[in-house]
Amino acid sequence: MRNGTRVAEKILLVHDEQPLVESLKNVLFSVGYEVLQATDNDQAAQILDRETVDLLITDTQLNGAVNDGLMNYVNDAGYGIDIIVLSSTPELEQVRRLIDSGVYDLISKPFHSYELLLSVSRALEKRKLLARSRELQLDMEKKIKEKTLSLRLRNQEKQQLLISTIRSLVSALEAKDKYTEGHSRRVAENASMMAQMLSFSSFDIEELHLAGLFHDIGKIGITESVLNKKGQLTSEEYDLIKTHPLISQKIVEQVPQFKRISKIIRHHHEFFDGNGYPDALQGQQIPVGARIMTICDAYDAMTSDRSYRPALSESRALSIIERNAGTQFDPELVKIFLRMRGARN
């Protein structure tokens, strides 16, 4: 329908027998079809290239030769139209070949008007149904894409909100514990520099940087009296402190894309010899990001003022790290860290 008026379907007749063509045209015109005409395959191809044709009617013989070429051309060109073929003496092999070429129907000559119109009507109805099916499919695909995009945007908004919340918690932690102010940022920066020296991908470097920023977030749940205690911690207090990697992991893994960094955060207090916490992993069992973080975290803790002692000098802190290579720290990564800090060539 166009502007409330039925648009006539276009049927292309490809035939060289003018009396038969006129008969066909009269039958098709009588029910409102628009008819285009070609006398050979070249004319038919030109019409198909410039017109939107809904159906093609031709003969098994054209200009004294078998007319397989037109059927093959239409199929190969992908016009998406059906073909009705007229034949005076169809043979079984010919019928099989026509079916294989995708012909919609075969009508014997002389044809009956009712038989022809019924075949034409069915072919055009099939075309309409296929077109409608494609429209529905495209519409469904469009809606799915729109829904997927909407969900992705909502998930991104949710994740950004979670990330902002975690960053706020880091700020709250630093306000709560004056001794850790700037600690997470410095750990993240040192870890990123080590990752660059190890030729990590930009994605892995960014993940390690985020892990450094968030690694101590679990301390937000530990009382200030324990965090800022000047004397030695009791075993109960130390056990409480040791829960912070698990709490940090639970907070961070709320963001689905942070699953990997949550494992780095969980294991940043594991020792290379297996005497760390919370899982007593050792050696290569510990994620490489966590092994890097362990060194950077310990270095910054030693070179910062703490409630229980003043900051150590850089040289002493590096000496302690070197001395604990193979026990607390990955020895190969210690070499990288010392080179990064300019303590070794």
C-alpha atoms as a PDB file:
ATOM      1  CA  MET A   1       0.000   0.000   0.000  1.00  0.00           C
ATOM      2  CA  ARG A   2       1.238   3.485  -0.870  1.00  0.00           C
ATOM      3  CA  ASN A   3      -0.804   6.568   0.220  1.00  0.00           C
ATOM      4  CA  GLY A   4      -3.774   4.219   0.722  1.00  0.00           C
ATOM      5  CA  THR A   5      -3.539   2.887  -2.839  1.00  0.00           C
ATOM      6  CA  ARG A   6      -2.591  -0.691  -3.723  1.00  0.00           C
ATOM      7  CA  VAL A   7       0.726  -0.840  -5.535  1.00  0.00           C
ATOM      8  CA  ALA A   8       0.582  -3.316  -8.408  1.00  0.00           C
ATOM      9  CA  GLU A   9       3.155  -6.098  -8.299  1.00  0.00           C
ATOM     10  CA  LYS A  10       5.523  -6.104 -11.250  1.00  0.00           C
ATOM     11  CA  ILE A  11       5.809  -9.294 -13.276  1.00  0.00           C
ATOM     12  CA  LEU A  12       8.499  -9.685 -15.908  1.00  0.00           C
ATOM     13  CA  LEU A  13       7.602 -11.824 -18.936  1.00  0.00           C
ATOM     14  CA  VAL A  14      10.629 -13.153 -20.781  1.00  0.00           C
ATOM     15  CA  HIS A  15       9.386 -14.751 -23.999  1.00  0.00           C
ATOM     16  CA  ASP A  16       9.924 -14.464 -27.733  1.00  0.00           C
ATOM     17  CA  GLU A  17       6.466 -15.671 -28.859  1.00  0.00           C
ATOM     18  CA  GLN A  18       4.406 -12.492 -29.109  1.00  0.00           C
ATOM     19  CA  PRO A  19       0.942 -14.173 -29.306  1.00  0.00           C
ATOM     20  CA  LEU A  20       1.686 -16.065 -26.085  1.00  0.00           C
ATOM     21  CA  VAL A  21       3.004 -12.910 -24.447  1.00  0.00           C
ATOM     22  CA  GLU A  22      -0.156 -11.000 -25.337  1.00  0.00           C
ATOM     23  CA  SER A  23      -2.281 -13.795 -23.905  1.00  0.00           C
ATOM     24  CA  LEU A  24      -0.287 -13.779 -20.704  1.00  0.00           C
ATOM     25  CA  LYS A  25      -0.426  -9.999 -20.427  1.00  0.00           C
ATOM     26  CA  ASN A  26      -4.213  -9.986 -20.840  1.00  0.00           C
ATOM     27  CA  VAL A  27      -4.647 -12.539 -18.084  1.00  0.00           C
ATOM     28  CA  LEU A  28      -2.287 -10.705 -15.712  1.00  0.00           C
ATOM     29  CA  PHE A  29      -3.616  -7.227 -16.515  1.00  0.00           C
ATOM     30  CA  SER A  30      -7.132  -8.444 -15.787  1.00  0.00           C
ATOM     31  CA  VAL A  31      -6.339  -8.872 -12.084  1.00  0.00           C
ATOM     32  CA  GLY A  32      -4.278  -5.710 -11.730  1.00  0.00           C
ATOM     33  CA  TYR A  33      -0.664  -6.810 -12.165  1.00  0.00           C
ATOM     34  CA  GLU A  34       1.867  -4.559 -13.896  1.00  0.00           C
ATOM     35  CA  VAL A  35       3.624  -6.436 -16.687  1.00  0.00           C
ATOM     36  CA  LEU A  36       7.099  -5.810 -18.077  1.00  0.00           C
ATOM     37  CA  GLN A  37       8.325  -7.618 -21.180  1.00  0.00           C
ATOM     38  CA  ALA A  38      11.657  -8.867 -22.545  1.00  0.00           C
ATOM     39  CA  THR A  39      12.274 -11.025 -25.613  1.00  0.00           C
ATOM     40  CA  ASP A  40      15.679 -12.362 -24.579  1.00  0.00           C
ATOM     41  CA  ASN A  41      17.919 -12.787 -21.536  1.00  0.00           C
ATOM     42  CA  ASP A  42      19.962  -9.623 -22.140  1.00  0.00           C
ATOM     43  CA  GLN A  43      16.814  -7.454 -22.132  1.00  0.00           C
ATOM     44  CA  ALA A  44      15.606  -9.298 -19.046  1.00  0.00           C
ATOM     45  CA  ALA A  45      18.885  -8.597 -17.231  1.00  0.00           C
ATOM     46  CA  GLN A  46      18.687  -4.868 -18.065  1.00  0.00           C
ATOM     47  CA  ILE A  47      15.125  -4.666 -16.727  1.00  0.00           C
ATOM     48  CA  LEU A  48      16.043  -6.568 -13.560  1.00  0.00           C
ATOM     49  CA  ASP A  49      18.931  -4.175 -12.940  1.00  0.00           C
ATOM     50  CA  ARG A  50      16.784  -1.047 -13.115  1.00  0.00           C
ATOM     51  CA  GLU A  51      13.339  -2.199 -11.907  1.00  0.00           C
ATOM     52  CA  THR A  52      12.034  -3.794  -8.734  1.00  0.00           C
ATOM     53  CA  VAL A  53      10.483  -6.961 -10.109  1.00  0.00           C
ATOM     54  CA  ASP A  54       8.310  -9.214  -7.946  1.00  0.00           C
ATOM     55  CA  LEU A  55       8.054 -12.291 -10.173  1.00  0.00           C
ATOM     56  CA  LEU A  56       9.504 -13.618 -13.420  1.00  0.00           C
ATOM     57  CA  ILE A  57       7.680 -15.801 -15.965  1.00  0.00           C
ATOM     58  CA  THR A  58       9.621 -17.400 -18.799  1.00  0.00           C
ATOM     59  CA  ASP A  59       9.782 -20.528 -20.942  1.00  0.00           C
ATOM     60  CA  THR A  60      12.029 -23.571 -20.962  1.00  0.00           C
ATOM     61  CA  GLN A  61      12.851 -22.635 -24.567  1.00  0.00           C
ATOM     62  CA  LEU A  62      13.841 -19.137 -25.648  1.00  0.00           C
ATOM     63  CA  ASN A  63      14.924 -18.203 -29.146  1.00  0.00           C
ATOM     64  CA  GLY A  64      15.209 -21.895 -30.005  1.00  0.00           C
ATOM     65  CA  ALA A  65      17.536 -22.813 -27.107  1.00  0.00           C
ATOM     66  CA  VAL A  66      17.189 -24.230 -23.606  1.00  0.00           C
ATOM     67  CA  ASN A  67      16.689 -21.314 -21.221  1.00  0.00           C
ATOM     68  CA  ASP A  68      18.790 -22.435 -18.227  1.00  0.00           C
ATOM     69  CA  GLY A  69      20.948 -19.315 -18.429  1.00  0.00           C
ATOM     70  CA  LEU A  70      18.279 -16.886 -17.231  1.00  0.00           C
ATOM     71  CA  MET A  71      17.381 -19.007 -14.211  1.00  0.00           C
ATOM     72  CA  ASN A  72      21.041 -19.264 -13.210  1.00  0.00           C
ATOM     73  CA  TYR A  73      21.585 -15.520 -13.721  1.00  0.00           C
ATOM     74  CA  VAL A  74      18.627 -14.588 -11.512  1.00  0.00           C
ATOM     75  CA  ASN A  75      19.752 -16.939  -8.742  1.00  0.00           C
ATOM     76  CA  ASP A  76      23.407 -15.901  -8.880  1.00  0.00           C
ATOM     77  CA  ALA A  77      22.588 -12.177  -8.937  1.00  0.00           C
ATOM     78  CA  GLY A  78      20.516 -12.524  -5.768  1.00  0.00           C
ATOM     79  CA  TYR A  79      17.422 -10.656  -6.937  1.00  0.00           C
ATOM     80  CA  GLY A  80      15.320 -12.650  -4.504  1.00  0.00           C
ATOM     81  CA  ILE A  81      12.460 -13.311  -6.920  1.00  0.00           C
ATOM     82  CA  ASP A  82      10.697 -16.527  -7.869  1.00  0.00           C
ATOM     83  CA  ILE A  83      10.487 -17.895 -11.386  1.00  0.00           C
ATOM     84  CA  ILE A  84       7.497 -19.606 -13.015  1.00  0.00           C
ATOM     85  CA  VAL A  85       8.421 -21.602 -16.096  1.00  0.00           C
ATOM     86  CA  LEU A  86       6.152 -22.512 -19.007  1.00  0.00           C
ATOM     87  CA  SER A  87       6.838 -25.683 -20.963  1.00  0.00           C
ATOM     88  CA  SER A  88       5.087 -27.490 -23.771  1.00  0.00           C
ATOM     89  CA  THR A  89       6.712 -30.915 -23.287  1.00  0.00           C
ATOM     90  CA  PRO A  90       8.488 -31.085 -19.938  1.00  0.00           C
ATOM     91  CA  GLU A  91      10.708 -34.119 -19.559  1.00  0.00           C
ATOM     92  CA  LEU A  92      11.544 -35.695 -16.225  1.00  0.00           C
ATOM     93  CA  GLU A  93      15.221 -34.710 -16.419  1.00  0.00           C
ATOM     94  CA  GLN A  94      14.272 -31.166 -17.350  1.00  0.00           C
ATOM     95  CA  VAL A  95      11.844 -30.938 -14.454  1.00  0.00           C
ATOM     96  CA  ARG A  96      14.543 -32.182 -12.063  1.00  0.00           C
ATOM     97  CA  ARG A  97      17.026 -29.622 -13.411  1.00  0.00           C
ATOM     98  CA  LEU A  98      14.498 -26.799 -13.062  1.00  0.00           C
ATOM     99  CA  ILE A  99      13.730 -27.792  -9.480  1.00  0.00           C
ATOM    100  CA  ASP A 100      17.443 -27.867  -8.682  1.00  0.00           C
ATOM    101  CA  SER A 101      17.812 -24.348 -10.109  1.00  0.00           C
ATOM    102  CA  GLY A 102      15.165 -23.068  -7.691  1.00  0.00           C
ATOM    103  CA  VAL A 103      12.211 -22.596 -10.043  1.00  0.00           C
ATOM    104  CA  TYR A 104       8.999 -21.950  -8.104  1.00  0.00           C
ATOM    105  CA  ASP A 105       6.537 -23.655 -10.468  1.00  0.00           C
ATOM    106  CA  LEU A 106       6.306 -25.377 -13.852  1.00  0.00           C
ATOM    107  CA  ILE A 107       3.140 -24.838 -15.922  1.00  0.00           C
ATOM    108  CA  SER A 108       2.355 -26.849 -19.035  1.00  0.00           C
ATOM    109  CA  LYS A 109       1.312 -25.192 -22.271  1.00  0.00           C
ATOM    110  CA  PRO A 110      -1.333 -24.533 -23.281  1.00  0.00           C
ATOM    111  CA  PHE A 111      -2.035 -23.115 -19.832  1.00  0.00           C
ATOM    112  CA  HIS A 112      -5.350 -22.402 -18.135  1.00  0.00           C
ATOM    113  CA  SER A 113      -5.798 -18.847 -16.852  1.00  0.00           C
ATOM    114  CA  TYR A 114      -6.958 -20.098 -13.454  1.00  0.00           C
ATOM    115  CA  GLU A 115      -3.878 -22.329 -13.067  1.00  0.00           C
ATOM    116  CA  LEU A 116      -1.537 -19.502 -14.038  1.00  0.00           C
ATOM    117  CA  LEU A 117      -3.156 -16.931 -11.740  1.00  0.00           C
ATOM    118  CA  LEU A 118      -3.185 -19.379  -8.830  1.00  0.00           C
ATOM    119  CA  SER A 119       0.539 -20.055  -9.262  1.00  0.00           C
ATOM    120  CA  VAL A 120       1.288 -16.323  -9.611  1.00  0.00           C
ATOM    121  CA  SER A 121      -0.790 -15.500  -6.523  1.00  0.00           C
ATOM    122  CA  ARG A 122       0.972 -18.140  -4.424  1.00  0.00           C
ATOM    123  CA  ALA A 123       4.418 -17.041  -5.582  1.00  0.00           C
ATOM    124  CA  LEU A 124       3.697 -13.386  -4.769  1.00  0.00           C
ATOM    125  CA  GLU A 125       2.155 -14.282  -1.414  1.00  0.00           C
ATOM    126  CA  LYS A 126       5.276 -16.259  -0.568  1.00  0.00           C
ATOM    127  CA  ARG A 127       7.369 -13.201  -1.491  1.00  0.00           C
ATOM    128  CA  LYS A 128       5.253 -10.981   0.779  1.00  0.00           C
ATOM    129  CA  LEU A 129       5.560 -13.441   3.658  1.00  0.00           C
ATOM    130  CA  LEU A 130       9.327 -13.668   3.247  1.00  0.00           C
ATOM    131  CA  ALA A 131       9.599  -9.886   3.058  1.00  0.00           C
ATOM    132  CA  ARG A 132       7.471  -9.555   6.191  1.00  0.00           C
ATOM    133  CA  SER A 133       9.564 -12.197   7.921  1.00  0.00           C
ATOM    134  CA  ARG A 134      12.746 -10.270   7.062  1.00  0.00           C
ATOM    135  CA  GLU A 135      11.181  -7.049   8.345  1.00  0.00           C
ATOM    136  CA  LEU A 136      10.225  -8.735  11.610  1.00  0.00           C
ATOM    137  CA  GLN A 137      13.684 -10.258  11.919  1.00  0.00           C
ATOM    138  CA  LEU A 138      15.394  -6.915  11.275  1.00  0.00           C
ATOM    139  CA  ASP A 139      13.030  -5.215  13.711  1.00  0.00           C
ATOM    140  CA  MET A 140      13.755  -7.879  16.318  1.00  0.00           C
ATOM    141  CA  GLU A 141      17.504  -7.572  15.753  1.00  0.00           C
ATOM    142  CA  LYS A 142      17.219  -3.792  16.081  1.00  0.00           C
ATOM    143  CA  LYS A 143      15.275  -4.112  19.334  1.00  0.00           C
ATOM    144  CA  ILE A 144      17.757  -6.660  20.677  1.00  0.00           C
ATOM    145  CA  LYS A 145      20.668  -4.342  19.816  1.00  0.00           C
ATOM    146  CA  GLU A 146      18.889  -1.395  21.428  1.00  0.00           C
ATOM    147  CA  LYS A 147      18.097  -3.464  24.522  1.00  0.00           C
ATOM    148  CA  THR A 148      21.664  -4.792  24.684  1.00  0.00           C
ATOM    149  CA  LEU A 149      23.055  -1.258  24.357  1.00  0.00           C
ATOM    150  CA  SER A 150      20.661  -0.009  27.012  1.00  0.00           C
ATOM    151  CA  LEU A 151      21.659  -2.806  29.389  1.00  0.00           C
ATOM    152  CA  ARG A 152      25.346  -2.225  28.642  1.00  0.00           C
ATOM    153  CA  LEU A 153      24.985   1.486  29.363  1.00  0.00           C
ATOM    154  CA  ARG A 154      23.095   0.762  32.558  1.00  0.00           C
ATOM    155  CA  ASN A 155      25.735  -1.761  33.606  1.00  0.00           C
ATOM    156  CA  GLN A 156      28.462   0.766  32.820  1.00  0.00           C
ATOM    157  CA  GLU A 157      26.648   3.386  34.882  1.00  0.00           C
ATOM    158  CA  LYS A 158      26.259   0.894  37.719  1.00  0.00           C
ATOM    159  CA  GLN A 159      29.914  -0.096  37.530  1.00  0.00           C
ATOM    160  CA  GLN A 160      31.050   3.531  37.432  1.00  0.00           C
ATOM    161  CA  LEU A 161      28.919   4.190  40.507  1.00  0.00           C
ATOM    162  CA  LEU A 162      30.521   1.220  42.273  1.00  0.00           C
ATOM    163  CA  ILE A 163      34.005   2.379  41.274  1.00  0.00           C
ATOM    164  CA  SER A 164      33.232   5.881  42.531  1.00  0.00           C
ATOM    165  CA  THR A 165      31.952   4.374  45.775  1.00  0.00           C
ATOM    166  CA  ILE A 166      35.153   2.350  46.198  1.00  0.00           C
ATOM    167  CA  ARG A 167      37.266   5.444  45.520  1.00  0.00           C
ATOM    168  CA  SER A 168      35.226   7.297  48.156  1.00  0.00           C
ATOM    169  CA  LEU A 169      35.903   4.477  50.605  1.00  0.00           C
ATOM    170  CA  VAL A 170      39.641   4.786  49.895  1.00  0.00           C
ATOM    171  CA  SER A 171      39.430   8.495  50.671  1.00  0.00           C
ATOM    172  CA  ALA A 172      37.420   7.746  53.831  1.00  0.00           C
ATOM    173  CA  LEU A 173      40.025   5.180  54.896  1.00  0.00           C
ATOM    174  CA  GLU A 174      42.872   7.666  54.440  1.00  0.00           C
ATOM    175  CA  ALA A 175      40.942  10.247  56.448  1.00  0.00           C
ATOM    176  CA  LYS A 176      40.379   7.628  59.151  1.00  0.00           C
ATOM    177  CA  ASP A 177      43.985   6.417  59.234  1.00  0.00           C
ATOM    178  CA  LYS A 178      46.444   9.307  58.809  1.00  0.00           C
ATOM    179  CA  TYR A 179      49.334   6.863  58.472  1.00  0.00           C
ATOM    180  CA  THR A 180      47.954   5.387  55.248  1.00  0.00           C
ATOM    181  CA  GLU A 181      47.307   8.713  53.527  1.00  0.00           C
ATOM    182  CA  GLY A 182      48.698   8.453  49.982  1.00  0.00           C
ATOM    183  CA  HIS A 183      49.857   4.864  50.630  1.00  0.00           C
ATOM    184  CA  SER A 184      47.515   3.229  48.109  1.00  0.00           C
ATOM    185  CA  ARG A 185      48.407   5.748  45.406  1.00  0.00           C
ATOM    186  CA  ARG A 186      52.146   5.219  45.901  1.00  0.00           C
ATOM    187  CA  VAL A 187      51.770   1.429  45.890  1.00  0.00           C
ATOM    188  CA  ALA A 188      49.741   1.659  42.674  1.00  0.00           C
ATOM    189  CA  GLU A 189      52.378   3.847  41.013  1.00  0.00           C
ATOM    190  CA  ASN A 190      55.298   1.601  41.976  1.00  0.00           C
ATOM    191  CA  ALA A 191      53.401  -1.528  40.915  1.00  0.00           C
ATOM    192  CA  SER A 192      52.605   0.069  37.549  1.00  0.00           C
ATOM    193  CA  MET A 193      56.264   0.967  36.997  1.00  0.00           C
ATOM    194  CA  MET A 194      57.324  -2.607  37.745  1.00  0.00           C
ATOM    195  CA  ALA A 195      54.691  -3.915  35.339  1.00  0.00           C
ATOM    196  CA  GLN A 196      56.049  -1.625  32.624  1.00  0.00           C
ATOM    197  CA  MET A 197      59.577  -2.932  33.210  1.00  0.00           C
ATOM    198  CA  LEU A 198      58.178  -6.459  32.860  1.00  0.00           C
ATOM    199  CA  SER A 199      56.525  -5.494  29.523  1.00  0.00           C
ATOM    200  CA  PHE A 200      52.974  -6.062  30.754  1.00  0.00           C
ATOM    201  CA  SER A 201      50.192  -5.064  28.375  1.00  0.00           C
ATOM    202  CA  SER A 202      48.579  -1.649  28.913  1.00  0.00           C
ATOM    203  CA  PHE A 203      45.415  -3.440  30.079  1.00  0.00           C
ATOM    204  CA  ASP A 204      47.316  -5.482  32.692  1.00  0.00           C
ATOM    205  CA  ILE A 205      49.181  -2.377  33.860  1.00  0.00           C
ATOM    206  CA  GLU A 206      45.896  -0.535  34.345  1.00  0.00           C
ATOM    207  CA  GLU A 207      44.449  -3.495  36.263  1.00  0.00           C
ATOM    208  CA  LEU A 208      47.490  -3.616  38.543  1.00  0.00           C
ATOM    209  CA  HIS A 209      47.251   0.142  39.126  1.00  0.00           C
ATOM    210  CA  LEU A 210      43.610  -0.216  40.187  1.00  0.00           C
ATOM    211  CA  ALA A 211      44.497  -3.155  42.440  1.00  0.00           C
ATOM    212  CA  GLY A 212      47.100  -0.941  44.106  1.00  0.00           C
ATOM    213  CA  LEU A 213      44.571   1.825  44.672  1.00  0.00           C
ATOM    214  CA  PHE A 214      42.022  -0.536  46.228  1.00  0.00           C
ATOM    215  CA  HIS A 215      44.214  -3.145  47.976  1.00  0.00           C
ATOM    216  CA  ASP A 216      43.669  -1.838  51.539  1.00  0.00           C
ATOM    217  CA  ILE A 217      40.029  -0.795  51.203  1.00  0.00           C
ATOM    218  CA  GLY A 218      39.018  -3.607  53.600  1.00  0.00           C
ATOM    219  CA  LYS A 219      40.642  -1.705  56.465  1.00  0.00           C
ATOM    220  CA  ILE A 220      37.619   0.594  56.399  1.00  0.00           C
ATOM    221  CA  GLY A 221      35.915  -2.067  58.547  1.00  0.00           C
ATOM    222  CA  ILE A 222      38.663  -2.165  61.179  1.00  0.00           C
ATOM    223  CA  THR A 223      38.472   0.130  64.203  1.00  0.00           C
ATOM    224  CA  GLU A 224      40.795   3.146  64.405  1.00  0.00           C
ATOM    225  CA  SER A 225      42.063   1.982  67.779  1.00  0.00           C
ATOM    226  CA  VAL A 226      43.552  -1.095  66.123  1.00  0.00           C
ATOM    227  CA  LEU A 227      44.738   0.672  62.955  1.00  0.00           C
ATOM    228  CA  ASN A 228      46.451   3.448  64.894  1.00  0.00           C
ATOM    229  CA  LYS A 229      47.677   1.440  67.880  1.00  0.00           C
ATOM    230  CA  LYS A 230      51.137   2.614  68.952  1.00  0.00           C
ATOM    231  CA  GLY A 231      52.208  -0.568  70.688  1.00  0.00           C
ATOM    232  CA  GLN A 232      52.392  -4.171  69.565  1.00  0.00           C
ATOM    233  CA  LEU A 233      49.131  -5.759  68.377  1.00  0.00           C
ATOM    234  CA  THR A 234      47.609  -8.611  70.329  1.00  0.00           C
ATOM    235  CA  SER A 235      47.050 -11.896  68.482  1.00  0.00           C
ATOM    236  CA  GLU A 236      43.331 -11.082  68.292  1.00  0.00           C
ATOM    237  CA  GLU A 237      44.058  -7.634  66.876  1.00  0.00           C
ATOM    238  CA  TYR A 238      46.523  -9.070  64.374  1.00  0.00           C
ATOM    239  CA  ASP A 239      43.936 -11.661  63.289  1.00  0.00           C
ATOM    240  CA  LEU A 240      41.513  -8.792  62.751  1.00  0.00           C
ATOM    241  CA  ILE A 241      44.053  -6.907  60.608  1.00  0.00           C
ATOM    242  CA  LYS A 242      44.606 -10.084  58.554  1.00  0.00           C
ATOM    243  CA  THR A 243      40.952 -10.051  57.455  1.00  0.00           C
ATOM    244  CA  HIS A 244      41.374  -6.867  55.434  1.00  0.00           C
ATOM    245  CA  PRO A 245      42.427  -8.551  52.131  1.00  0.00           C
ATOM    246  CA  LEU A 246      39.252 -10.674  52.216  1.00  0.00           C
ATOM    247  CA  ILE A 247      37.078  -7.669  52.971  1.00  0.00           C
ATOM    248  CA  SER A 248      38.826  -5.708  50.212  1.00  0.00           C
ATOM    249  CA  GLN A 249      38.186  -8.545  47.757  1.00  0.00           C
ATOM    250  CA  LYS A 250      34.477  -8.701  48.612  1.00  0.00           C
ATOM    251  CA  ILE A 251      34.102  -4.969  48.097  1.00  0.00           C
ATOM    252  CA  VAL A 252      35.999  -4.826  44.804  1.00  0.00           C
ATOM    253  CA  GLU A 253      34.488  -7.911  43.159  1.00  0.00           C
ATOM    254  CA  GLN A 254      31.072  -6.234  43.235  1.00  0.00           C
ATOM    255  CA  VAL A 255      32.274  -4.718  39.963  1.00  0.00           C
ATOM    256  CA  PRO A 256      32.229  -7.663  37.485  1.00  0.00           C
ATOM    257  CA  GLN A 257      35.166  -6.311  35.475  1.00  0.00           C
ATOM    258  CA  PHE A 258      37.283  -6.310  38.651  1.00  0.00           C
ATOM    259  CA  LYS A 259      37.230 -10.088  39.146  1.00  0.00           C
ATOM    260  CA  ARG A 260      40.905 -10.446  38.234  1.00  0.00           C
ATOM    261  CA  ILE A 261      42.143  -7.541  40.345  1.00  0.00           C
ATOM    262  CA  SER A 262      40.134  -8.851  43.298  1.00  0.00           C
ATOM    263  CA  LYS A 263      42.417 -11.917  43.296  1.00  0.00           C
ATOM    264  CA  ILE A 264      45.506  -9.694  43.301  1.00  0.00           C
ATOM    265  CA  ILE A 265      44.041  -7.817  46.249  1.00  0.00           C
ATOM    266  CA  ARG A 266      43.168 -11.035  48.118  1.00  0.00           C
ATOM    267  CA  HIS A 267      46.711 -12.364  47.862  1.00  0.00           C
ATOM    268  CA  HIS A 268      48.866  -9.266  48.352  1.00  0.00           C
ATOM    269  CA  HIS A 269      49.961 -10.512  51.809  1.00  0.00           C
ATOM    270  CA  GLU A 270      50.967 -14.014  50.700  1.00  0.00           C
ATOM    271  CA  PHE A 271      54.640 -14.875  51.213  1.00  0.00           C
ATOM    272  CA  PHE A 272      56.744 -16.493  48.507  1.00  0.00           C
ATOM    273  CA  ASP A 273      57.650 -19.315  50.942  1.00  0.00           C
ATOM    274  CA  GLY A 274      54.004 -19.990  51.850  1.00  0.00           C
ATOM    275  CA  ASN A 275      53.976 -18.321  55.290  1.00  0.00           C
ATOM    276  CA  GLY A 276      51.673 -15.449  54.344  1.00  0.00           C
ATOM    277  CA  TYR A 277      47.904 -15.014  54.515  1.00  0.00           C
ATOM    278  CA  PRO A 278      44.999 -15.534  53.893  1.00  0.00           C
ATOM    279  CA  ASP A 279      45.570 -18.790  51.930  1.00  0.00           C
ATOM    280  CA  ALA A 280      49.235 -19.648  52.582  1.00  0.00           C
ATOM    281  CA  LEU A 281      49.964 -19.810  48.849  1.00  0.00           C
ATOM    282  CA  GLN A 282      53.570 -20.078  47.758  1.00  0.00           C
ATOM    283  CA  GLY A 283      55.729 -19.383  44.727  1.00  0.00           C
ATOM    284  CA  GLN A 284      53.966 -19.389  41.380  1.00  0.00           C
ATOM    285  CA  GLN A 285      50.622 -20.183  43.054  1.00  0.00           C
ATOM    286  CA  ILE A 286      50.476 -16.505  43.973  1.00  0.00           C
ATOM    287  CA  PRO A 287      49.247 -14.320  41.082  1.00  0.00           C
ATOM    288  CA  VAL A 288      52.158 -12.336  39.641  1.00  0.00           C
ATOM    289  CA  GLY A 289      50.273  -9.088  40.260  1.00  0.00           C
ATOM    290  CA  ALA A 290      49.980  -9.983  43.941  1.00  0.00           C
ATOM    291  CA  ARG A 291      53.714 -10.814  44.121  1.00  0.00           C
ATOM    292  CA  ILE A 292      54.485  -7.374  42.690  1.00  0.00           C
ATOM    293  CA  MET A 293      52.033  -5.744  45.074  1.00  0.00           C
ATOM    294  CA  THR A 294      53.596  -7.479  48.093  1.00  0.00           C
ATOM    295  CA  ILE A 295      56.955  -5.847  47.393  1.00  0.00           C
ATOM    296  CA  CYS A 296      55.525  -2.381  46.656  1.00  0.00           C
ATOM    297  CA  ASP A 297      53.228  -2.519  49.688  1.00  0.00           C
ATOM    298  CA  ALA A 298      56.024  -3.553  52.055  1.00  0.00           C
ATOM    299  CA  TYR A 299      58.408  -0.916  50.685  1.00  0.00           C
ATOM    300  CA  ASP A 300      55.919   1.918  51.109  1.00  0.00           C
ATOM    301  CA  ALA A 301      54.924   0.727  54.577  1.00  0.00           C
ATOM    302  CA  MET A 302      58.578   0.706  55.663  1.00  0.00           C
ATOM    303  CA  THR A 303      59.360   4.145  54.199  1.00  0.00           C
ATOM    304  CA  SER A 304      56.272   5.793  55.747  1.00  0.00           C
ATOM    305  CA  ASP A 305      55.660   6.926  59.313  1.00  0.00           C
ATOM    306  CA  ARG A 306      53.497   4.448  61.193  1.00  0.00           C
ATOM    307  CA  SER A 307      51.796   4.656  64.607  1.00  0.00           C
ATOM    308  CA  TYR A 308      54.274   2.125  66.025  1.00  0.00           C
ATOM    309  CA  ARG A 309      57.510   3.503  64.428  1.00  0.00           C
ATOM    310  CA  PRO A 310      58.946   6.304  62.263  1.00  0.00           C
ATOM    311  CA  ALA A 311      59.739   5.813  58.583  1.00  0.00           C
ATOM    312  CA  LEU A 312      62.820   3.815  57.639  1.00  0.00           C
ATOM    313  CA  SER A 313      65.351   5.190  55.178  1.00  0.00           C
ATOM    314  CA  GLU A 314      65.057   4.034  51.596  1.00  0.00           C
ATOM    315  CA  SER A 315      68.402   2.226  51.707  1.00  0.00           C
ATOM    316  CA  ARG A 316      67.409   0.276  54.831  1.00  0.00           C
ATOM    317  CA  ALA A 317      64.003  -0.619  53.369  1.00  0.00           C
ATOM    318  CA  LEU A 318      65.626  -1.860  50.137  1.00  0.00           C
ATOM    319  CA  SER A 319      68.151  -3.851  52.175  1.00  0.00           C
ATOM    320  CA  ILE A 320      65.329  -5.556  54.083  1.00  0.00           C
ATOM    321  CA  ILE A 321      63.507  -6.372  50.849  1.00  0.00           C
ATOM    322  CA  GLU A 322      66.690  -7.838  49.353  1.00  0.00           C
ATOM    323  CA  ARG A 323      67.337  -9.867  52.496  1.00  0.00           C
ATOM    324  CA  ASN A 324      63.831 -11.346  52.353  1.00  0.00           C
ATOM    325  CA  ALA A 325      63.992 -12.333  48.681  1.00  0.00           C
ATOM    326  CA  GLY A 326      62.946 -15.979  48.430  1.00  0.00           C
ATOM    327  CA  THR A 327      61.095 -15.970  51.758  1.00  0.00           C
ATOM    328  CA  GLN A 328      58.617 -13.087  51.824  1.00  0.00           C
ATOM    329  CA  PHE A 329      59.242 -11.865  48.281  1.00  0.00           C
ATOM    330  CA  ASP A 330      59.642 -13.336  44.800  1.00  0.00           C
ATOM    331  CA  PRO A 331      63.440 -13.168  44.250  1.00  0.00           C
ATOM    332  CA  GLU A 332      63.198 -12.395  40.524  1.00  0.00           C
ATOM    333  CA  LEU A 333      60.753  -9.573  41.144  1.00  0.00           C
ATOM    334  CA  VAL A 334      62.972  -8.218  43.924  1.00  0.00           C
ATOM    335  CA  LYS A 335      65.735  -7.777  41.329  1.00  0.00           C
ATOM    336  CA  ILE A 336      63.333  -5.786  39.140  1.00  0.00           C
ATOM    337  CA  PHE A 337      62.235  -3.635  42.090  1.00  0.00           C
ATOM    338  CA  LEU A 338      65.792  -2.893  43.177  1.00  0.00           C
ATOM    339  CA  ARG A 339      66.719  -1.938  39.625  1.00  0.00           C
ATOM    340  CA  MET A 340      63.650   0.288  39.439  1.00  0.00           C
ATOM    341  CA  ARG A 341      64.613   2.067  42.653  1.00  0.00           C
ATOM    342  CA  GLY A 342      68.176   2.513  41.337  1.00  0.00           C
ATOM    343  CA  ALA A 343      69.666   0.270  44.017  1.00  0.00           C
ATOM    344  CA  ARG A 344      71.136  -2.189  41.492  1.00  0.00           C
ATOM    345  CA  ASN A 345      72.262  -1.992  37.877  1.00  0.00           C
END
